[in-house]
Amino acid sequence: MHIPDQMLQGAVCPVTAGLGLLGVTAAALMAARGAGKQDLKRFAAVASLLFAGQMFNFPVANGTSGHLIGGVLAAALLGTPLAVLAMTLVLALQAALFGDGGLLSLGANIVNMALIGVGVGALMRHFTIGRSLSAPRRMMLAFGAGWLSVMLSALAASMEWAASGTVSLSQVVPAMLATHVWIGIGEGLVTAAFLELVATRRIDEGGFSSTVPAMLLSGILVLASPWASALPDGLQRVAERLGFLSVGDAILSAPLDGYSMAVISDPRLALMAAGLIGLVSTFVSARLLGWRLCRAICHHDR
């Protein structure tokens, strides 16, 4: 659900950029004061999983595909502040390296996926603290939170387009919600399955051993990306149907635009190579950010 450049006009970009900056700044301050060392250890692995999950599209209904957003998953694995930072890092790298989401619309994408998407996961954690839940109830809760995060993100994007005059609210809201209801089911299933797989204690206690599974799944998704669904994703399908897809051209050309590489003629190998570059870039950037946060925490503790 990466909104490209020029789909948003007027004050929407600066307003969402301001909201995104406020949210990310608050998350950074909270992480620097309260992030646990175990959370920081898996920070890079979860950020890598977000990148890989958002790169791999799966088919849904009516000739449309979807991909993981991962906000609830990240919140469950890292806690809210680090999850916001991980999602923001991934969105920034996607826009800068691959043109996946625009640089001008980065603030809107941060609001929709890093703040709203992760925020639903934060609510899930809040309402389950101290409660002993059976495995089916844990999975139902994770599924519902994952589904809701996609629907709220789709609603936010619809409102941003309407506010910018790109398309009317009465047209875009029903189209986006009807399309993303199926993508949300995929999000919910992946979220519930992965959290149950890596849970070492109850989900409400936040206990997960997730670093190795996250890295393994990240590598598998990137290597399998050439065989992912080539169908347009939910945002593209709605924009095409309502006639505003052509206004989403990028302002600046990204070095690996569209996950392609000019030096590799085979499109599948190029996609795989670009994905691996993105995965390594995400992991290294997250490690550096985690190291900086660790230093800030140590300084704060003194």
Protein backbone atom coordinates (compact mmCIF):
# COMPACT_ATOMS: atom_id res chain seq x y z
CA MET A 1 0.00 0.00 0.00
CA HIS A 2 2.81 2.34 -0.96
CA ILE A 3 1.41 5.63 -2.28
CA PRO A 4 3.65 6.94 -5.10
CA ASP A 5 4.58 10.53 -5.82
CA GLN A 6 1.99 12.88 -7.34
CA MET A 7 -1.02 10.89 -6.13
CA LEU A 8 -1.20 13.37 -3.26
CA GLN A 9 -1.56 17.09 -3.88
CA GLY A 10 -1.86 20.30 -1.93
CA ALA A 11 -1.31 20.30 1.82
CA VAL A 12 -1.67 16.54 2.26
CA CYS A 13 2.03 15.77 1.75
CA PRO A 14 3.39 18.40 4.19
CA VAL A 15 0.69 17.62 6.77
CA THR A 16 1.32 13.88 6.69
CA ALA A 17 5.08 14.51 6.66
CA GLY A 18 4.67 16.53 9.84
CA LEU A 19 2.51 13.87 11.49
CA GLY A 20 4.93 11.16 10.43
CA LEU A 21 7.90 13.10 11.79
CA LEU A 22 6.16 13.64 15.12
CA GLY A 23 5.28 9.97 15.41
CA VAL A 24 8.74 8.72 14.48
CA THR A 25 10.43 11.22 16.80
CA ALA A 26 8.24 10.10 19.69
CA ALA A 27 9.00 6.47 18.88
CA ALA A 28 12.74 7.17 18.78
CA LEU A 29 12.66 8.93 22.15
CA MET A 30 10.60 6.13 23.72
CA ALA A 31 12.87 3.47 22.23
CA ALA A 32 16.00 5.24 23.48
CA ARG A 33 14.57 5.29 27.00
CA GLY A 34 12.78 1.98 27.27
CA ALA A 35 13.74 -0.56 24.59
CA GLY A 36 14.90 -3.90 25.94
CA LYS A 37 18.21 -5.42 24.88
CA GLN A 38 16.48 -8.53 23.53
CA ASP A 39 14.21 -6.33 21.41
CA LEU A 40 17.24 -4.51 20.01
CA LYS A 41 18.91 -7.82 19.18
CA ARG A 42 16.03 -8.83 16.93
CA PHE A 43 15.38 -5.33 15.58
CA ALA A 44 17.39 -5.88 12.37
CA ALA A 45 15.85 -9.32 11.79
CA VAL A 46 12.30 -8.01 12.08
CA ALA A 47 13.05 -5.00 9.86
CA SER A 48 14.42 -7.43 7.26
CA LEU A 49 11.27 -9.52 7.54
CA LEU A 50 9.14 -6.42 6.93
CA PHE A 51 11.13 -5.59 3.80
CA ALA A 52 10.90 -9.13 2.42
CA GLY A 53 7.22 -9.51 3.30
CA GLN A 54 6.32 -6.26 1.55
CA MET A 55 8.29 -7.32 -1.53
CA PHE A 56 6.46 -10.63 -1.96
CA ASN A 57 2.96 -10.31 -3.45
CA PHE A 58 0.33 -13.05 -3.09
CA PRO A 59 -2.78 -13.35 -5.29
CA VAL A 60 -6.21 -12.49 -3.90
CA ALA A 61 -9.64 -12.05 -5.48
CA ASN A 62 -10.57 -10.39 -8.78
CA GLY A 63 -7.13 -10.32 -10.40
CA THR A 64 -5.50 -8.46 -7.54
CA SER A 65 -2.49 -9.21 -5.36
CA GLY A 66 -1.48 -8.09 -1.90
CA HIS A 67 1.56 -8.09 0.31
CA LEU A 68 2.28 -8.08 4.01
CA ILE A 69 2.28 -4.73 5.79
CA GLY A 70 3.53 -6.27 9.02
CA GLY A 71 2.61 -3.56 11.51
CA VAL A 72 0.93 -5.90 14.00
CA LEU A 73 3.66 -8.49 13.53
CA ALA A 74 6.38 -5.92 14.23
CA ALA A 75 4.57 -4.53 17.28
CA ALA A 76 4.21 -8.01 18.76
CA LEU A 77 7.86 -8.89 18.15
CA LEU A 78 9.51 -5.58 19.06
CA GLY A 79 7.10 -3.44 21.04
CA THR A 80 5.55 -0.28 19.65
CA PRO A 81 8.48 2.21 19.51
CA LEU A 82 10.93 -0.13 17.79
CA ALA A 83 8.21 -1.42 15.46
CA VAL A 84 7.48 2.14 14.28
CA LEU A 85 11.19 2.72 13.68
CA ALA A 86 11.61 -0.59 11.82
CA MET A 87 8.65 0.14 9.56
CA THR A 88 9.83 3.69 8.90
CA LEU A 89 13.31 2.49 8.01
CA VAL A 90 11.90 -0.03 5.53
CA LEU A 91 9.58 2.53 3.92
CA ALA A 92 12.41 5.05 3.54
CA LEU A 93 14.75 2.50 1.91
CA GLN A 94 11.99 1.26 -0.40
CA ALA A 95 11.30 4.80 -1.61
CA ALA A 96 14.96 5.83 -1.96
CA LEU A 97 16.36 2.66 -3.55
CA PHE A 98 13.44 1.17 -5.46
CA GLY A 99 10.90 3.94 -6.04
CA ASP A 100 8.41 1.81 -4.09
CA GLY A 101 6.30 4.61 -2.65
CA GLY A 102 7.25 8.21 -3.30
CA LEU A 103 9.68 10.39 -1.39
CA LEU A 104 7.14 13.23 -1.31
CA SER A 105 4.44 10.84 -0.08
CA LEU A 106 6.75 9.13 2.44
CA GLY A 107 5.02 10.93 5.30
CA ALA A 108 1.64 9.54 4.25
CA ASN A 109 3.04 6.03 3.94
CA ILE A 110 4.60 6.33 7.39
CA VAL A 111 1.29 7.49 8.86
CA ASN A 112 -0.66 4.70 7.15
CA MET A 113 1.68 1.77 7.78
CA ALA A 114 4.15 2.72 10.51
CA LEU A 115 1.78 4.61 12.80
CA ILE A 116 -1.68 3.18 12.08
CA GLY A 117 -0.51 -0.34 11.20
CA VAL A 118 1.78 -0.63 14.22
CA GLY A 119 -0.78 1.17 16.38
CA VAL A 120 -3.28 -1.65 15.94
CA GLY A 121 -0.60 -4.08 17.13
CA ALA A 122 0.03 -1.85 20.14
CA LEU A 123 -3.65 -2.03 21.04
CA MET A 124 -3.55 -5.81 20.73
CA ARG A 125 -0.66 -5.97 23.20
CA HIS A 126 -2.32 -3.52 25.58
CA PHE A 127 -5.58 -5.43 25.84
CA THR A 128 -3.91 -8.82 26.32
CA ILE A 129 -1.34 -7.98 29.00
CA GLY A 130 -1.82 -10.20 32.03
CA ARG A 131 -4.38 -12.44 30.36
CA SER A 132 -3.88 -16.15 29.84
CA LEU A 133 -5.18 -17.03 26.38
CA SER A 134 -5.49 -20.38 24.66
CA ALA A 135 -3.70 -20.92 21.35
CA PRO A 136 -6.91 -20.58 19.26
CA ARG A 137 -7.81 -17.30 20.98
CA ARG A 138 -4.26 -15.97 20.52
CA MET A 139 -4.41 -16.77 16.84
CA MET A 140 -7.88 -15.25 16.45
CA LEU A 141 -6.68 -12.08 18.16
CA ALA A 142 -3.58 -11.83 15.96
CA PHE A 143 -5.62 -12.53 12.84
CA GLY A 144 -8.20 -9.87 13.72
CA ALA A 145 -5.54 -7.28 14.52
CA GLY A 146 -3.69 -7.97 11.27
CA TRP A 147 -6.89 -7.70 9.24
CA LEU A 148 -7.94 -4.49 10.99
CA SER A 149 -4.53 -2.88 10.44
CA VAL A 150 -4.89 -3.33 6.67
CA MET A 151 -8.44 -1.97 6.61
CA LEU A 152 -7.55 1.12 8.66
CA SER A 153 -4.48 1.78 6.52
CA ALA A 154 -6.62 1.51 3.38
CA LEU A 155 -9.17 3.90 4.89
CA ALA A 156 -6.42 6.40 5.75
CA ALA A 157 -5.02 6.28 2.21
CA SER A 158 -8.52 6.83 0.83
CA MET A 159 -9.01 9.90 3.00
CA GLU A 160 -5.63 11.30 1.94
CA TRP A 161 -6.50 10.93 -1.74
CA ALA A 162 -9.89 12.55 -1.20
CA ALA A 163 -8.34 15.42 0.76
CA SER A 164 -5.86 16.05 -2.06
CA GLY A 165 -8.62 16.09 -4.69
CA THR A 166 -7.29 13.01 -6.49
CA VAL A 167 -10.61 11.17 -6.28
CA SER A 168 -13.89 11.57 -4.41
CA LEU A 169 -14.28 9.98 -0.99
CA SER A 170 -17.54 8.29 -2.00
CA GLN A 171 -15.74 6.50 -4.83
CA VAL A 172 -12.46 5.54 -3.25
CA VAL A 173 -13.51 4.33 0.22
CA PRO A 174 -15.83 1.52 -0.96
CA ALA A 175 -13.33 0.48 -3.65
CA MET A 176 -10.33 0.40 -1.30
CA LEU A 177 -12.12 -1.39 1.52
CA ALA A 178 -13.71 -3.96 -0.80
CA THR A 179 -10.32 -4.73 -2.33
CA HIS A 180 -8.31 -4.76 0.88
CA VAL A 181 -10.73 -6.92 2.84
CA TRP A 182 -9.15 -9.90 1.05
CA ILE A 183 -5.61 -8.62 1.47
CA GLY A 184 -6.36 -8.13 5.16
CA ILE A 185 -7.30 -11.81 5.43
CA GLY A 186 -3.87 -12.72 4.06
CA GLU A 187 -2.23 -10.30 6.50
CA GLY A 188 -4.16 -11.79 9.40
CA LEU A 189 -3.29 -15.37 8.48
CA VAL A 190 0.43 -14.62 8.12
CA THR A 191 0.48 -12.63 11.36
CA ALA A 192 -1.31 -15.30 13.38
CA ALA A 193 0.74 -18.17 11.95
CA PHE A 194 4.13 -16.53 12.42
CA LEU A 195 3.45 -15.29 15.95
CA GLU A 196 2.19 -18.69 17.03
CA LEU A 197 5.22 -20.35 15.42
CA VAL A 198 7.79 -18.27 17.27
CA ALA A 199 5.98 -17.75 20.58
CA THR A 200 7.93 -19.08 23.54
CA ARG A 201 5.54 -17.66 26.11
CA ARG A 202 2.02 -16.33 25.90
CA ILE A 203 1.51 -13.61 23.30
CA ASP A 204 0.30 -11.22 26.00
CA GLU A 205 3.65 -11.52 27.80
CA GLY A 206 5.54 -10.51 24.69
CA GLY A 207 7.90 -13.48 24.77
CA PHE A 208 9.19 -14.40 21.33
CA SER A 209 12.30 -16.12 20.03
CA SER A 210 12.07 -14.74 16.54
CA THR A 211 15.47 -13.71 15.17
CA VAL A 212 16.37 -16.93 13.34
CA PRO A 213 12.87 -17.63 11.93
CA ALA A 214 12.57 -14.00 10.81
CA MET A 215 15.89 -14.07 8.95
CA LEU A 216 15.17 -17.44 7.38
CA LEU A 217 11.74 -16.35 6.17
CA SER A 218 13.18 -13.06 4.89
CA GLY A 219 15.73 -14.87 2.76
CA ILE A 220 13.16 -17.35 1.45
CA LEU A 221 10.72 -14.58 0.48
CA VAL A 222 13.38 -12.57 -1.37
CA LEU A 223 14.76 -15.60 -3.21
CA ALA A 224 11.19 -16.62 -4.14
CA SER A 225 10.18 -13.09 -5.19
CA PRO A 226 10.58 -13.77 -8.95
CA TRP A 227 7.74 -16.27 -8.62
CA ALA A 228 5.46 -14.00 -6.59
CA SER A 229 2.19 -12.77 -8.06
CA ALA A 230 2.61 -10.27 -10.90
CA LEU A 231 -0.98 -9.05 -10.55
CA PRO A 232 -1.45 -5.38 -9.59
CA ASP A 233 -1.67 -4.84 -5.86
CA GLY A 234 -4.75 -3.44 -4.14
CA LEU A 235 -3.71 0.20 -4.45
CA GLN A 236 -2.80 -0.16 -8.14
CA ARG A 237 -6.03 -2.00 -8.91
CA VAL A 238 -8.20 0.66 -7.30
CA ALA A 239 -6.23 3.51 -8.90
CA GLU A 240 -6.53 1.85 -12.30
CA ARG A 241 -10.26 1.26 -11.88
CA LEU A 242 -10.95 4.84 -10.77
CA GLY A 243 -8.66 6.40 -13.36
CA PHE A 244 -5.90 8.02 -11.32
CA LEU A 245 -3.07 5.46 -11.67
CA SER A 246 -1.23 7.61 -14.25
CA VAL A 247 -0.76 10.48 -11.79
CA GLY A 248 1.52 8.37 -9.63
CA ASP A 249 4.74 8.82 -11.61
CA ALA A 250 7.87 9.31 -9.48
CA ILE A 251 9.45 12.74 -9.06
CA LEU A 252 12.98 11.26 -8.90
CA SER A 253 14.30 8.08 -10.47
CA ALA A 254 15.47 5.49 -7.92
CA PRO A 255 18.73 3.62 -8.62
CA LEU A 256 16.98 0.24 -8.59
CA ASP A 257 13.60 1.50 -9.77
CA GLY A 258 10.95 -1.20 -9.73
CA TYR A 259 13.39 -3.72 -8.22
CA SER A 260 15.28 -3.91 -11.52
CA MET A 261 18.99 -3.86 -12.42
CA ALA A 262 20.20 -2.69 -15.82
CA VAL A 263 23.35 -4.84 -15.63
CA ILE A 264 21.30 -8.06 -15.37
CA SER A 265 19.27 -8.93 -18.46
CA ASP A 266 17.22 -11.74 -16.93
CA PRO A 267 14.29 -10.02 -15.15
CA ARG A 268 13.93 -12.77 -12.56
CA LEU A 269 17.61 -12.70 -11.63
CA ALA A 270 17.51 -8.89 -11.58
CA LEU A 271 14.54 -8.91 -9.22
CA MET A 272 16.23 -11.43 -6.95
CA ALA A 273 19.51 -9.48 -6.93
CA ALA A 274 17.74 -6.18 -6.23
CA GLY A 275 15.81 -7.83 -3.43
CA LEU A 276 18.99 -9.18 -1.87
CA ILE A 277 20.56 -5.72 -2.05
CA GLY A 278 17.49 -4.31 -0.33
CA LEU A 279 17.52 -7.03 2.30
CA VAL A 280 21.19 -6.46 3.13
CA SER A 281 20.68 -2.68 3.14
CA THR A 282 17.76 -3.04 5.51
CA PHE A 283 19.63 -5.37 7.85
CA VAL A 284 22.79 -3.21 7.97
CA SER A 285 20.84 0.03 8.43
CA ALA A 286 18.75 -1.52 11.20
CA ARG A 287 21.88 -2.86 12.92
CA LEU A 288 23.41 0.61 12.87
CA LEU A 289 20.24 2.19 14.18
CA GLY A 290 19.95 -0.50 16.85
CA TRP A 291 23.57 0.11 17.88
CA ARG A 292 22.87 3.83 18.18
CA LEU A 293 19.78 3.17 20.29
CA CYS A 294 21.75 0.76 22.47
CA ARG A 295 24.33 3.46 23.14
CA ALA A 296 21.56 5.92 23.98
CA ILE A 297 19.99 3.43 26.40
CA CYS A 298 23.32 2.75 28.11
CA HIS A 299 23.93 6.49 28.45
CA HIS A 300 20.41 7.02 29.81
CA ASP A 301 20.84 4.21 32.37
CA ARG A 302 23.98 5.86 33.73
